[in-house]
Structure formats: structure tokens, C-alpha cells
N, C-alpha and C. Protein backbone atom coordinates (compact mmCIF):
# COMPACT_ATOMS: atom_id res chain seq x y z
N MET A 1 84.58 100.12 112.22
CA MET A 1 85.04 99.99 113.59
C MET A 1 86.31 99.25 113.63
N ALA A 2 86.66 98.32 112.82
CA ALA A 2 88.09 97.62 112.62
C ALA A 2 89.19 98.54 112.15
N ALA A 3 88.42 99.40 111.04
CA ALA A 3 89.41 100.12 110.47
C ALA A 3 89.89 101.46 111.71
N ALA A 4 88.90 101.61 112.37
CA ALA A 4 89.27 102.98 113.46
C ALA A 4 90.32 102.10 114.75
N LEU A 5 89.70 101.08 114.96
CA LEU A 5 90.76 100.16 115.83
C LEU A 5 92.10 100.03 115.28
N LEU A 6 92.39 99.66 114.43
CA LEU A 6 93.87 99.54 113.63
C LEU A 6 94.33 100.93 113.70
N VAL A 7 93.92 101.92 113.08
CA VAL A 7 94.52 103.56 113.47
C VAL A 7 94.78 104.01 114.54
N ALA A 8 94.12 103.51 115.61
CA ALA A 8 94.18 103.75 116.98
C ALA A 8 95.14 102.81 117.65
N LEU A 9 95.23 102.11 117.35
CA LEU A 9 96.29 100.71 117.58
C LEU A 9 98.05 101.36 117.14
N TRP A 10 97.78 101.79 115.96
CA TRP A 10 98.97 102.36 115.38
C TRP A 10 99.25 103.45 115.98
N ILE A 11 98.48 104.58 116.29
CA ILE A 11 98.60 105.55 116.88
C ILE A 11 99.29 105.34 118.08
N GLY A 12 98.50 104.54 118.98
CA GLY A 12 99.47 103.88 120.22
C GLY A 12 100.79 103.45 120.30
N ALA A 13 100.95 102.84 119.07
CA ALA A 13 102.02 102.17 119.02
C ALA A 13 103.41 103.09 118.50
N ALA A 14 102.94 104.47 117.65
CA ALA A 14 103.87 105.31 117.35
C ALA A 14 104.25 106.13 118.87
N LEU A 15 103.27 106.43 119.70
CA LEU A 15 103.08 107.47 120.61
C LEU A 15 104.10 106.33 121.86
N LEU A 16 104.16 105.16 121.97
CA LEU A 16 104.74 104.30 122.78
C LEU A 16 106.58 104.23 122.39
N THR A 17 106.52 104.44 121.35
CA THR A 17 107.91 104.44 120.43
C THR A 17 108.62 105.86 120.90
N VAL A 18 107.74 107.07 120.35
CA VAL A 18 108.22 107.86 120.69
C VAL A 18 108.28 108.68 122.11
N GLY A 19 107.35 107.98 123.07
CA GLY A 19 106.99 108.41 124.60
C GLY A 19 108.21 107.70 125.30
N VAL A 20 108.15 106.28 125.15
CA VAL A 20 108.64 105.63 126.00
C VAL A 20 109.77 104.56 125.25
N VAL A 21 109.78 104.09 124.21
CA VAL A 21 110.70 102.95 123.64
C VAL A 21 111.92 104.18 123.27
N ALA A 22 112.17 105.07 122.70
CA ALA A 22 113.55 105.80 122.19
C ALA A 22 113.81 106.48 123.60
N PRO A 23 113.25 107.48 124.44
CA PRO A 23 113.58 108.13 125.53
C PRO A 23 114.45 106.87 126.44
N GLY A 24 113.67 105.84 126.71
CA GLY A 24 114.07 104.42 127.35
C GLY A 24 115.73 104.07 126.90
N ALA A 25 115.73 103.58 125.58
CA ALA A 25 116.71 103.30 124.76
C ALA A 25 118.09 104.40 125.34
N PHE A 26 117.74 105.68 125.43
CA PHE A 26 119.01 106.52 125.69
C PHE A 26 119.29 106.71 126.97
N ALA A 27 118.14 106.27 127.63
CA ALA A 27 118.60 106.33 129.27
C ALA A 27 119.24 105.41 129.87
N VAL A 28 118.85 103.88 129.34
CA VAL A 28 119.42 103.06 130.08
C VAL A 28 120.69 102.15 129.28
N LEU A 29 120.96 102.40 128.02
CA LEU A 29 121.90 101.81 127.39
C LEU A 29 122.92 102.77 127.56
N PRO A 30 124.34 101.60 127.17
CA PRO A 30 125.53 102.25 127.90
C PRO A 30 126.11 103.38 127.09
N THR A 31 125.44 103.52 125.84
CA THR A 31 126.11 104.45 124.54
C THR A 31 124.92 104.76 123.83
N ARG A 32 125.13 106.17 123.41
CA ARG A 32 124.11 106.73 122.70
C ARG A 32 124.12 106.25 121.36
N ALA A 33 125.15 105.62 120.92
CA ALA A 33 125.35 104.68 119.67
C ALA A 33 124.29 103.29 119.60
N LEU A 34 124.43 102.62 120.73
CA LEU A 34 123.59 101.37 121.13
C LEU A 34 122.12 101.93 121.12
N ALA A 35 122.06 103.18 121.95
CA ALA A 35 120.38 103.43 121.95
C ALA A 35 119.77 103.76 120.40
N GLY A 36 120.72 104.62 119.50
CA GLY A 36 120.35 104.67 118.24
C GLY A 36 120.24 103.94 117.34
N GLU A 37 120.78 102.76 117.87
CA GLU A 37 120.70 101.39 116.74
C GLU A 37 119.69 100.65 117.22
N MET A 38 119.43 100.47 118.63
CA MET A 38 117.92 100.28 118.91
C MET A 38 116.72 100.55 118.49
N VAL A 39 116.71 101.91 118.54
CA VAL A 39 115.46 102.72 118.18
C VAL A 39 115.53 102.71 116.27
N GLY A 40 116.85 102.54 115.88
CA GLY A 40 116.97 102.37 114.35
C GLY A 40 116.19 101.21 113.85
N HIS A 41 116.00 100.15 114.88
CA HIS A 41 115.41 98.76 114.53
C HIS A 41 113.93 98.83 114.61
N VAL A 42 113.55 100.02 115.79
CA VAL A 42 112.12 99.97 115.73
C VAL A 42 111.47 101.01 114.75
N LEU A 43 111.61 102.01 114.39
CA LEU A 43 110.94 102.95 113.47
C LEU A 43 110.76 102.42 112.16
N PRO A 44 111.58 101.41 111.48
CA PRO A 44 111.21 100.80 110.08
C PRO A 44 109.88 100.10 110.41
N VAL A 45 109.86 99.74 111.76
CA VAL A 45 108.63 98.51 111.87
C VAL A 45 107.25 99.65 112.14
N VAL A 46 107.35 100.46 112.47
CA VAL A 46 106.71 101.88 112.97
C VAL A 46 105.91 102.42 111.62
N PHE A 47 107.00 102.85 111.08
CA PHE A 47 106.84 103.23 109.48
C PHE A 47 106.25 102.02 108.49
N GLY A 48 106.56 101.27 108.55
CA GLY A 48 105.99 100.09 107.71
C GLY A 48 104.22 99.79 108.08
N ALA A 49 104.19 99.63 109.37
CA ALA A 49 103.06 99.37 109.94
C ALA A 49 101.99 100.73 109.43
N ALA A 50 102.60 101.51 109.50
CA ALA A 50 101.92 102.85 108.79
C ALA A 50 101.29 102.57 107.33
N ILE A 51 102.19 102.25 106.44
CA ILE A 51 101.46 101.56 104.95
C ILE A 51 100.65 100.55 105.14
N VAL A 52 100.92 99.88 106.17
CA VAL A 52 99.86 98.58 106.17
C VAL A 52 98.63 99.31 106.41
N VAL A 53 98.37 99.82 108.03
CA VAL A 53 97.29 100.10 108.31
C VAL A 53 96.77 101.17 107.43
N SER A 54 97.23 101.98 106.47
CA SER A 54 96.31 102.91 105.75
C SER A 54 96.26 102.31 104.93
N CYS A 55 96.73 101.24 104.15
CA CYS A 55 96.08 100.34 102.79
C CYS A 55 94.89 99.58 103.44
N LEU A 56 95.35 98.92 104.61
CA LEU A 56 93.96 98.40 105.29
C LEU A 56 92.91 98.75 105.53
N VAL A 57 92.80 100.51 105.86
CA VAL A 57 91.60 101.08 106.28
C VAL A 57 90.88 101.26 104.67
N LEU A 58 91.73 101.38 103.59
CA LEU A 58 91.07 101.91 102.53
C LEU A 58 90.30 100.27 101.98
N LEU A 59 91.10 99.44 102.54
CA LEU A 59 90.51 98.09 101.88
C LEU A 59 89.15 97.62 102.43
N ILE A 60 89.06 98.08 103.95
CA ILE A 60 88.03 97.24 104.66
C ILE A 60 87.19 98.43 104.95
N HIS A 61 87.21 99.73 104.58
CA HIS A 61 86.18 100.68 104.98
C HIS A 61 85.93 101.57 103.64
N PRO A 62 84.95 100.84 102.87
CA PRO A 62 84.25 101.84 101.57
C PRO A 62 84.10 103.03 102.12
N ALA A 63 83.65 103.54 103.11
CA ALA A 63 83.39 105.06 103.28
C ALA A 63 84.58 105.55 103.47
N ALA A 64 85.76 105.27 103.49
CA ALA A 64 87.10 105.60 103.73
C ALA A 64 87.66 106.23 102.34
N ARG A 65 86.96 105.30 101.38
CA ARG A 65 87.65 105.41 99.93
C ARG A 65 86.72 106.30 99.38
N ARG A 66 85.67 106.48 99.80
CA ARG A 66 85.12 107.84 99.31
C ARG A 66 85.17 109.11 99.67
N SER A 67 85.86 109.15 100.75
CA SER A 67 86.00 110.46 101.68
C SER A 67 87.46 111.13 101.04
N PRO A 68 87.47 112.20 100.23
CA PRO A 68 88.81 112.85 99.60
C PRO A 68 89.31 113.11 100.88
N PRO A 69 88.92 113.77 102.23
CA PRO A 69 90.02 113.97 103.45
C PRO A 69 90.40 112.72 104.24
N ALA A 70 89.74 111.22 103.81
CA ALA A 70 90.12 110.38 104.49
C ALA A 70 91.15 109.81 103.73
N VAL A 71 91.19 109.71 102.40
CA VAL A 71 92.36 109.50 101.08
C VAL A 71 93.67 110.44 101.64
N ALA A 72 93.14 111.59 101.65
CA ALA A 72 94.33 112.48 101.55
C ALA A 72 95.11 112.31 102.98
N ALA A 73 94.55 111.93 104.20
CA ALA A 73 95.19 111.52 105.21
C ALA A 73 95.99 110.29 105.10
N VAL A 74 94.98 109.20 104.53
CA VAL A 74 96.14 107.88 103.99
C VAL A 74 97.38 108.33 103.13
N VAL A 75 96.93 108.99 102.23
CA VAL A 75 98.05 109.46 101.07
C VAL A 75 99.32 109.92 102.05
N VAL A 76 99.21 110.86 102.82
CA VAL A 76 100.33 111.75 103.44
C VAL A 76 100.76 110.90 104.71
N SER A 77 99.97 109.78 105.09
CA SER A 77 100.82 108.86 105.89
C SER A 77 101.52 108.05 105.39
N VAL A 78 101.17 107.47 104.11
CA VAL A 78 101.92 106.30 103.45
C VAL A 78 103.15 107.35 102.97
N LEU A 79 102.90 108.57 102.42
CA LEU A 79 104.13 108.94 101.61
C LEU A 79 105.17 109.52 102.53
N ALA A 80 104.85 110.01 104.02
CA ALA A 80 105.83 110.29 105.10
C ALA A 80 106.38 108.79 105.39
N ALA A 81 105.71 107.86 105.50
CA ALA A 81 106.60 106.36 105.79
C ALA A 81 107.08 105.84 104.74
N VAL A 82 106.73 106.22 103.58
CA VAL A 82 108.01 105.36 102.34
C VAL A 82 109.07 106.70 102.22
N CYS A 83 108.76 107.74 102.61
CA CYS A 83 110.14 109.04 102.34
C CYS A 83 111.03 108.28 103.58
N ALA A 84 110.38 108.16 104.78
CA ALA A 84 111.26 107.65 105.93
C ALA A 84 112.06 106.18 105.53
N LEU A 85 111.45 105.33 105.06
CA LEU A 85 112.16 103.68 104.81
C LEU A 85 112.63 103.97 103.81
N ALA A 86 112.37 104.67 102.30
CA ALA A 86 113.11 104.73 101.35
C ALA A 86 114.39 105.63 101.14
N VAL A 87 114.05 106.98 102.04
CA VAL A 87 115.08 107.69 101.88
C VAL A 87 115.58 107.97 103.19
N VAL A 88 115.29 108.54 103.91
CA VAL A 88 115.90 108.87 105.41
C VAL A 88 116.61 107.68 105.97
N ASP A 89 116.17 106.34 106.04
CA ASP A 89 116.80 105.46 106.97
C ASP A 89 117.81 104.64 106.05
N PRO A 90 117.95 104.65 105.03
CA PRO A 90 119.38 104.21 104.18
C PRO A 90 120.32 105.19 104.20
N ARG A 91 119.92 106.37 104.50
CA ARG A 91 121.10 107.66 104.21
C ARG A 91 121.67 107.77 105.62
N ILE A 92 120.89 107.37 106.90
CA ILE A 92 121.61 107.45 108.08
C ILE A 92 121.91 106.10 108.25
N ALA A 93 121.90 104.79 108.07
CA ALA A 93 122.74 103.52 107.74
C ALA A 93 124.05 103.72 107.05
N ALA A 94 123.90 104.38 105.96
CA ALA A 94 125.05 104.55 104.74
C ALA A 94 126.06 105.86 105.79
N LEU A 95 125.53 106.63 106.56
CA LEU A 95 126.51 107.64 107.05
C LEU A 95 127.04 106.92 108.30
N ARG A 96 126.14 106.17 109.10
CA ARG A 96 126.69 105.34 110.25
C ARG A 96 127.97 104.32 109.70
N MET A 97 127.73 103.90 108.60
CA MET A 97 128.73 102.93 108.30
C MET A 97 129.98 103.85 107.76
N ALA A 98 129.64 105.00 107.20
CA ALA A 98 130.83 105.78 106.46
C ALA A 98 131.89 106.30 107.51
N ALA A 99 131.23 106.83 108.64
CA ALA A 99 131.89 107.50 109.88
C ALA A 99 132.88 106.61 110.57
N VAL A 100 132.33 105.23 110.38
CA VAL A 100 133.43 104.61 111.21
C VAL A 100 133.36 104.63 112.64
N VAL A 101 133.21 105.77 113.50
CA VAL A 101 133.02 105.69 114.83
C VAL A 101 131.58 106.03 114.94
N PRO A 102 131.00 106.13 116.13
CA PRO A 102 129.68 106.41 116.51
C PRO A 102 129.53 107.81 116.10
N ILE A 103 128.65 108.79 115.39
CA ILE A 103 127.99 109.89 115.09
C ILE A 103 128.43 110.80 116.53
N ASP A 104 128.12 110.56 117.53
CA ASP A 104 128.10 111.56 118.93
C ASP A 104 129.73 111.43 119.22
N GLN A 105 130.56 110.74 118.40
CA GLN A 105 132.12 111.09 118.66
C GLN A 105 132.72 111.98 117.67
N LEU A 106 132.04 112.18 116.80
CA LEU A 106 132.54 113.23 115.57
C LEU A 106 132.34 114.39 116.30
N ALA A 107 133.41 115.31 115.70
CA ALA A 107 133.36 116.66 116.27
C ALA A 107 131.94 117.40 115.75
N PRO A 108 131.70 118.30 117.13
CA PRO A 108 130.37 118.81 116.61
C PRO A 108 130.16 119.73 115.04
N ASN A 109 131.28 120.38 114.86
CA ASN A 109 131.50 120.79 113.74
C ASN A 109 131.73 119.91 112.23
N ASP A 110 131.51 118.74 112.39
CA ASP A 110 132.09 117.63 111.41
C ASP A 110 130.92 117.72 110.53
N PRO A 111 130.89 117.59 109.25
CA PRO A 111 129.83 117.78 108.15
C PRO A 111 128.90 116.27 108.46
N ARG A 112 129.52 115.65 108.75
CA ARG A 112 128.76 113.98 108.79
C ARG A 112 127.87 114.13 109.89
N ARG A 113 128.29 114.72 111.02
CA ARG A 113 127.37 115.05 112.07
C ARG A 113 126.19 115.73 112.00
N THR A 114 126.69 117.19 111.27
CA THR A 114 125.66 118.05 110.68
C THR A 114 124.52 117.48 110.14
N PHE A 115 124.88 116.16 108.77
CA PHE A 115 124.07 115.65 108.22
C PHE A 115 123.34 114.78 108.91
N PHE A 116 123.86 114.19 109.78
CA PHE A 116 123.05 113.29 110.45
C PHE A 116 122.02 113.71 111.35
N GLY A 117 122.33 114.95 111.86
CA GLY A 117 121.29 115.88 112.60
C GLY A 117 120.05 116.06 111.69
N LEU A 118 120.31 116.56 110.47
CA LEU A 118 119.56 116.74 109.72
C LEU A 118 118.60 115.52 109.31
N LEU A 119 119.24 114.39 108.93
CA LEU A 119 118.47 113.23 108.59
C LEU A 119 117.73 112.57 109.82
N HIS A 120 118.00 112.93 111.22
CA HIS A 120 117.30 112.77 112.12
C HIS A 120 116.00 113.45 112.63
N ALA A 121 116.50 114.96 112.06
CA ALA A 121 115.51 115.70 112.13
C ALA A 121 114.09 115.54 111.27
N GLY A 122 114.63 115.11 110.10
CA GLY A 122 113.73 114.48 108.73
C GLY A 122 112.82 113.27 109.41
N SER A 123 113.43 112.31 110.09
CA SER A 123 113.03 111.49 110.49
C SER A 123 112.03 111.54 111.60
N VAL A 124 112.18 112.61 112.39
CA VAL A 124 111.22 112.87 113.37
C VAL A 124 110.22 113.63 112.87
N ALA A 125 110.57 114.46 111.77
CA ALA A 125 109.33 115.38 111.42
C ALA A 125 108.40 114.18 110.50
N LEU A 126 108.81 113.45 109.44
CA LEU A 126 108.03 112.31 109.18
C LEU A 126 107.30 111.60 109.74
N LEU A 127 107.54 110.97 111.12
CA LEU A 127 107.26 110.22 111.64
C LEU A 127 105.88 111.16 112.57
N GLY A 128 106.16 112.34 112.81
CA GLY A 128 105.10 113.21 113.31
C GLY A 128 103.80 113.85 112.44
N LEU A 129 104.13 113.82 111.30
CA LEU A 129 103.56 113.80 109.95
C LEU A 129 102.71 112.67 109.90
N ALA A 130 102.98 111.62 109.96
CA ALA A 130 102.34 110.37 109.83
C ALA A 130 101.55 110.23 110.90
N MET A 131 101.89 110.43 112.22
CA MET A 131 100.77 110.52 113.45
C MET A 131 99.79 111.39 113.08
N LEU A 132 100.07 112.46 112.77
CA LEU A 132 99.21 113.86 112.40
C LEU A 132 98.18 113.10 111.49
N ALA A 133 98.32 112.74 110.45
CA ALA A 133 97.85 112.12 109.15
C ALA A 133 97.13 111.05 109.73
N GLN A 134 97.65 109.85 110.61
CA GLN A 134 96.61 108.79 111.33
C GLN A 134 95.79 109.52 111.98
N SER A 135 96.03 110.30 112.74
CA SER A 135 95.12 110.89 113.78
C SER A 135 93.81 111.78 113.24
N ALA A 136 94.04 112.44 112.41
CA ALA A 136 93.38 113.19 111.27
C ALA A 136 92.38 111.96 110.86
N LEU A 137 92.68 110.88 110.13
CA LEU A 137 92.14 109.66 109.89
C LEU A 137 91.17 109.20 110.92
N LEU A 138 91.53 109.26 111.91
CA LEU A 138 90.79 108.04 113.07
C LEU A 138 89.80 109.01 113.17
N VAL A 139 89.53 110.64 113.60
CA VAL A 139 88.94 111.09 113.95
C VAL A 139 87.87 111.13 112.66
N LEU A 140 88.12 111.24 111.35
CA LEU A 140 87.44 111.02 110.48
C LEU A 140 86.29 109.93 110.06
N LEU A 141 87.09 108.38 110.76
CA LEU A 141 86.50 107.52 110.74
C LEU A 141 85.85 107.28 111.97
N ALA A 142 85.73 108.24 113.24
CA ALA A 142 85.05 108.29 114.26
C ALA A 142 83.72 108.86 114.14
N ARG A 143 83.81 110.17 113.14
CA ARG A 143 82.79 110.82 112.96
C ARG A 143 82.11 110.35 111.46
N ALA A 144 82.49 109.10 111.25
CA ALA A 144 81.57 108.54 110.31
C ALA A 144 80.68 107.27 111.24
N ALA A 145 81.24 106.79 111.95
CA ALA A 145 80.77 105.93 113.04
C ALA A 145 79.70 106.55 113.42
N ILE A 146 79.81 107.73 114.04
CA ILE A 146 78.95 108.49 114.59
C ILE A 146 77.53 108.49 114.10
N GLY A 147 77.97 108.93 112.95
CA GLY A 147 76.98 109.28 111.92
C GLY A 147 75.82 108.30 111.54
N ARG A 148 76.63 106.72 111.79
CA ARG A 148 75.64 105.71 111.46
C ARG A 148 74.99 105.30 112.53
N VAL A 149 75.00 105.70 113.92
CA VAL A 149 74.43 105.47 115.36
C VAL A 149 72.79 106.26 114.84
N PRO A 150 72.09 105.13 115.06
CA PRO A 150 70.76 105.64 114.93
C PRO A 150 70.01 106.22 116.01
N PRO A 151 69.10 107.24 115.49
CA PRO A 151 69.09 108.50 116.63
C PRO A 151 68.34 107.95 118.04
N SER A 152 67.85 106.35 118.38
CA SER A 152 67.52 105.96 119.36
C SER A 152 68.83 105.67 120.48
N GLY A 153 69.92 105.59 119.62
CA GLY A 153 71.37 105.72 120.56
C GLY A 153 71.58 104.39 120.70
N GLY A 154 71.15 103.27 119.89
CA GLY A 154 71.08 101.92 119.67
C GLY A 154 72.40 101.89 118.95
N ILE A 155 73.12 100.65 118.93
CA ILE A 155 74.09 100.42 118.03
C ILE A 155 73.90 99.31 116.79
N ARG A 156 74.01 99.58 116.14
CA ARG A 156 74.28 98.57 114.84
C ARG A 156 74.74 97.45 115.04
């Protein structure tokens, strides 16, 4: 039960980030650069939490460790988060520093702006992949919990 709750909370946090925090930042902050900077501070926490939650699930839920699909979901989620944190995020930060001006002020055909767009798309894809993997993990945990309910419908 605790493992499913952790996964559900992470999924909720990720959905809140992509559905409310990021769009809200771009809607209310005075520049896209500030909004991007703010979201750039939130996403590493979300990705880091994906790693922590995944590891905790394997630690506290023995059945998850014995389930190849659950382990695969954990591995996919962790790999997506690690790629975002170790590869994509540092490159975005370096590109922002090297550009000197905000990315959206670069010419549309500037290679730095194009590369930023690719990195952004990669970050979005990695977060989506982690969310899908965590969702699959939640379904697997829920199915395992349902399998343990006695036929009388009582709760153990």
C-alpha cells in the first residue's frame, strides 16, 4: 500500500508540474526566460523524486522486486530521470550560459536555439517516459494489492 501511495504521489506531482506549474510560470512571469528558469528549478526535483520513489518501491515492496514487469518499469523510470538529470539538464544550463541572451531572443534559425529546442523536447519526452513507467508501476502494484484481498472482500 505504501509503495502504491508513493508512486501515486509522484505521478500527481509530475502532473501538477506539467499541467499547472509550467504553464502557469509561462503565463504569469514577465519573460519566457524567467519562466524557463523557474521550471528548470522544479524539474530536477521531479526527476530526482522519480529515482527515490522507484528505489523505495523496490526496497519496501518485495513482490515488486520479484515482478519482471515492475522491475522493468522502475528501470525505465530511473533511466529516464538519470538521463534528464545527467545529460539533458546540464546541456540546457550550459547552452543558456553560452548564449549570453535569453534563448527566445536568438534568431529562429540560430543553431543554439535549434539545439535548445531539441534538448527541451528530450526533457519533455524523458519526463513523459518516466510518467508512463510510473503509471505502469502503479497499475502493477494495484493489481498485486487486489490479488491479496480475501474472497470475502475484507481488508487484510
